[in-house]
Amino acid sequence: MVAGSMENAFGSLKDMVSDSFQCAQCSGAMEAEARALEAIEMEEGISNKDIRDAALIIENNPSFANLYLHMKSEGTCKDFLHYHIEKLKNCD
């Protein structure tokens, strides 16, 4: 009986830690997505429509946010963004 209670307690603890870890990972990904969108909004000459399209791209492909944030060249960032915007338009 005690062994079963201990097993249940450890199982519950394992589930709590696992859920907490998954929430932390999700939170980190969402933070990267928010930072990428903020960086895109700060770019000169970007239209509201392009910002909307960038949000859709990030929503459909969260890894885009990390790639965008890790690019060093401003020109490369813009080219990368516009490439994906054009790709999105061609899907419509």
Protein backbone atom coordinates (compact mmCIF):
# COMPACT_ATOMS: atom_id res chain seq x y z
CA MET A 1 0.00 0.00 0.00
CA VAL A 2 2.79 2.44 0.92
CA ALA A 3 4.75 1.42 -2.16
CA GLY A 4 1.71 2.20 -4.34
CA SER A 5 1.29 5.60 -2.69
CA MET A 6 4.97 6.40 -3.21
CA GLU A 7 4.74 5.30 -6.82
CA ASN A 8 1.70 7.55 -7.37
CA ALA A 9 3.47 10.47 -5.66
CA PHE A 10 6.57 10.06 -7.84
CA GLY A 11 4.39 9.76 -10.93
CA SER A 12 2.57 12.97 -10.04
CA LEU A 13 5.86 14.77 -9.36
CA LYS A 14 7.27 13.55 -12.68
CA ASP A 15 4.17 14.85 -14.51
CA MET A 16 4.41 18.24 -12.77
CA VAL A 17 8.09 18.65 -13.67
CA SER A 18 7.48 17.50 -17.25
CA ASP A 19 4.56 19.93 -17.68
CA SER A 20 6.60 22.76 -16.18
CA PHE A 21 9.51 22.05 -18.54
CA GLN A 22 7.20 21.99 -21.57
CA CYS A 23 5.65 25.33 -20.52
CA ALA A 24 9.12 26.85 -20.17
CA GLN A 25 10.08 25.65 -23.66
CA CYS A 26 6.84 27.01 -25.10
CA SER A 27 7.37 30.32 -23.33
CA GLY A 28 10.90 30.61 -24.72
CA ALA A 29 9.69 29.97 -28.25
CA MET A 30 6.94 32.55 -27.90
CA GLU A 31 9.47 35.06 -26.59
CA ALA A 32 11.64 34.54 -29.69
CA GLU A 33 8.60 34.97 -31.91
CA ALA A 34 7.65 38.22 -30.15
CA ARG A 35 11.23 39.55 -30.36
CA ALA A 36 11.40 38.73 -34.08
CA LEU A 37 8.12 40.48 -34.78
CA GLU A 38 9.29 43.50 -32.77
CA ALA A 39 12.54 43.60 -34.77
CA ILE A 40 10.58 43.41 -38.02
CA GLU A 41 8.34 46.29 -36.89
CA MET A 42 11.46 48.40 -36.25
CA GLU A 43 12.77 47.94 -39.79
CA GLU A 44 12.59 51.09 -41.90
CA GLY A 45 10.23 51.05 -44.83
CA ILE A 46 8.24 48.02 -43.75
CA SER A 47 4.52 48.35 -44.35
CA ASN A 48 1.74 47.34 -42.00
CA LYS A 49 0.76 44.67 -44.53
CA ASP A 50 4.32 43.27 -44.46
CA ILE A 51 4.21 43.20 -40.65
CA ARG A 52 0.91 41.32 -40.81
CA ASP A 53 2.40 38.87 -43.31
CA ALA A 54 5.48 38.45 -41.11
CA ALA A 55 3.23 37.59 -38.16
CA LEU A 56 1.49 34.94 -40.30
CA ILE A 57 4.85 33.53 -41.37
CA ILE A 58 6.05 33.33 -37.76
CA GLU A 59 2.75 31.77 -36.68
CA ASN A 60 3.00 29.07 -39.36
CA ASN A 61 6.77 28.54 -39.05
CA PRO A 62 8.07 29.41 -35.57
CA SER A 63 11.66 28.51 -36.50
CA PHE A 64 11.59 31.54 -38.83
CA ALA A 65 11.79 33.76 -35.73
CA ASN A 66 15.06 32.22 -34.53
CA LEU A 67 16.60 32.31 -37.98
CA TYR A 68 15.62 35.95 -38.43
CA LEU A 69 16.95 36.96 -35.00
CA HIS A 70 20.31 35.28 -35.58
CA MET A 71 21.06 36.94 -38.91
CA LYS A 72 23.75 39.59 -38.55
CA SER A 73 23.29 41.53 -41.79
CA GLU A 74 20.34 43.92 -41.96
CA GLY A 75 20.15 43.45 -45.72
CA THR A 76 20.05 39.68 -45.34
CA CYS A 77 17.24 40.00 -42.80
CA LYS A 78 15.19 42.12 -45.20
CA ASP A 79 15.84 39.76 -48.12
CA PHE A 80 14.93 36.75 -45.99
CA LEU A 81 11.72 38.42 -44.83
CA HIS A 82 10.68 39.54 -48.31
CA TYR A 83 11.47 36.12 -49.76
CA HIS A 84 9.07 34.52 -47.26
CA ILE A 85 6.44 37.22 -47.80
CA GLU A 86 6.51 36.53 -51.55
CA LYS A 87 6.33 32.80 -50.86
CA LEU A 88 3.28 33.42 -48.65
CA LYS A 89 1.60 35.51 -51.37
CA ASN A 90 2.15 32.74 -53.92
CA CYS A 91 0.31 30.29 -51.66
CA ASP A 92 -2.87 32.38 -51.67
